[in-house]
Protein backbone atom coordinates (compact mmCIF):
# COMPACT_ATOMS: atom_id res chain seq x y z
CA MET A 1 14.70 -30.39 29.47
CA GLY A 2 17.02 -28.46 27.23
CA MET A 3 16.41 -25.19 25.58
CA GLY A 4 15.33 -25.51 21.99
CA ARG A 5 16.47 -23.32 19.20
CA SER A 6 14.04 -20.84 17.82
CA LEU A 7 14.08 -18.42 14.96
CA GLU A 8 12.19 -15.20 15.38
CA LEU A 9 11.34 -13.03 12.40
CA SER A 10 9.63 -9.69 12.58
CA GLY A 11 6.71 -8.97 10.31
CA SER A 12 8.75 -6.74 8.03
CA ALA A 13 11.55 -9.33 7.72
CA LEU A 14 9.01 -12.03 6.92
CA LEU A 15 7.42 -9.79 4.30
CA PHE A 16 10.84 -9.11 2.77
CA VAL A 17 11.53 -12.86 2.56
CA PHE A 18 8.14 -13.43 0.93
CA GLU A 19 8.79 -10.70 -1.63
CA ALA A 20 12.25 -12.05 -2.46
CA VAL A 21 10.91 -15.60 -2.85
CA THR A 22 8.13 -14.29 -5.11
CA LEU A 23 10.55 -12.48 -7.42
CA VAL A 24 12.94 -15.45 -7.58
CA ALA A 25 10.06 -17.85 -8.25
CA LEU A 26 8.86 -15.68 -11.13
CA VAL A 27 12.30 -15.69 -12.70
CA VAL A 28 12.70 -19.46 -12.20
CA LEU A 29 9.26 -20.30 -13.60
CA VAL A 30 9.12 -17.88 -16.52
CA GLY A 31 12.82 -17.79 -17.36
CA PRO A 32 12.97 -21.16 -19.16
CA VAL A 33 10.01 -20.18 -21.33
CA LEU A 34 11.81 -17.01 -22.45
CA TRP A 35 15.38 -18.29 -22.57
CA PRO A 36 16.07 -19.06 -26.19
CA ILE A 37 16.08 -15.39 -27.22
CA ASP A 38 16.79 -15.84 -30.89
CA ASP A 39 14.31 -13.62 -32.70
CA PRO A 40 12.84 -10.12 -32.18
CA ARG A 41 9.54 -11.47 -30.90
CA SER A 42 11.17 -13.45 -28.08
CA ALA A 43 13.41 -10.46 -27.29
CA ALA A 44 10.33 -8.23 -27.01
CA LEU A 45 8.62 -10.78 -24.76
CA ALA A 46 11.71 -11.01 -22.56
CA GLY A 47 11.84 -7.21 -22.38
CA ALA A 48 8.18 -7.03 -21.39
CA PHE A 49 8.77 -9.63 -18.70
CA ALA A 50 11.81 -7.72 -17.42
CA LEU A 51 9.75 -4.51 -17.24
CA ALA A 52 6.98 -6.33 -15.37
CA LEU A 53 9.53 -7.75 -12.94
CA VAL A 54 11.03 -4.30 -12.33
CA ALA A 55 7.54 -2.82 -11.87
CA LEU A 56 6.66 -5.54 -9.36
CA ALA A 57 9.87 -4.95 -7.43
CA ALA A 58 9.24 -1.19 -7.44
CA ALA A 59 5.67 -1.69 -6.21
CA MET A 60 6.90 -3.93 -3.40
CA TRP A 61 9.53 -1.35 -2.43
CA ARG A 62 7.01 1.50 -2.57
CA ALA A 63 4.55 -0.39 -0.40
CA ARG A 64 7.28 -0.74 2.24
CA THR A 65 8.62 2.81 2.19
CA VAL A 66 5.69 5.08 1.41
CA ASP A 67 2.92 5.47 3.95
CA VAL A 68 -0.19 5.87 1.85
CA THR A 69 -3.13 7.35 3.70
CA TYR A 70 -6.21 8.47 1.86
CA SER A 71 -8.71 11.01 3.01
CA PRO A 72 -12.35 9.90 3.09
CA GLY A 73 -13.06 11.72 -0.17
CA TYR A 74 -10.65 9.51 -2.08
CA ASP A 75 -10.95 6.18 -0.27
CA ILE A 76 -13.87 4.19 -1.65
CA ALA A 77 -13.65 1.73 1.23
CA TRP A 78 -14.02 4.39 3.93
CA ASN A 79 -16.92 3.56 6.20
CA PRO A 80 -17.90 6.36 8.57
CA SER A 81 -19.91 4.02 10.79
CA ALA A 82 -16.75 2.01 11.43
CA PHE A 83 -15.16 5.11 13.00
CA PRO A 84 -17.97 6.82 14.94
CA GLY A 85 -15.60 9.22 16.71
CA GLN A 86 -14.22 10.50 13.41
CA ALA A 87 -17.70 10.80 11.92
CA ALA A 88 -18.88 12.74 14.99
CA LYS A 89 -15.88 15.06 14.75
CA GLU A 90 -16.57 15.74 11.07
CA ARG A 91 -20.24 16.50 11.81
CA TRP A 92 -19.18 18.85 14.62
CA VAL A 93 -16.70 20.68 12.36
CA LYS A 94 -19.39 21.10 9.68
CA ALA A 95 -21.84 22.44 12.27
CA VAL A 96 -19.30 24.94 13.62
CA ARG A 97 -18.53 26.15 10.10
CA ARG A 98 -22.24 26.81 9.50
CA LEU A 99 -22.51 29.08 12.54
CA PRO A 100 -22.87 32.77 11.69
CA ARG A 101 -19.74 34.78 12.33
CA GLY A 102 -20.37 37.84 14.46
CA GLU A 103 -18.14 40.28 16.25
CA ASP A 104 -20.03 39.91 19.51
CA GLU A 105 -20.82 36.35 20.52
CA ASP A 106 -23.29 37.37 23.26
CA GLY A 107 -25.32 39.60 21.01
CA GLU A 108 -25.80 43.33 21.16
CA GLU A 109 -27.71 44.78 24.09
């Protein structure tokens, strides 16, 4: 038995290939519809498509480079029961904040 050839791609490389294929496919599919740019209306449509393509490329780049983490107050999909440790910690912090603040913790005698 001989050793077979294999091609290994990491997740980020595979995602990059998918994004590149998506952008090229959009240009190939929509380009012929826009190509005869001979009047202002078709030029405006081509400009709008170019802006959309740039926005899509920027969104793909931003999704790769910026780590977006939302706090529970801003994330509508946050489910505290899915993270019981975090929910318990938040309840504990709220309880500690409600404790009265005194100079002597043991009380005065």
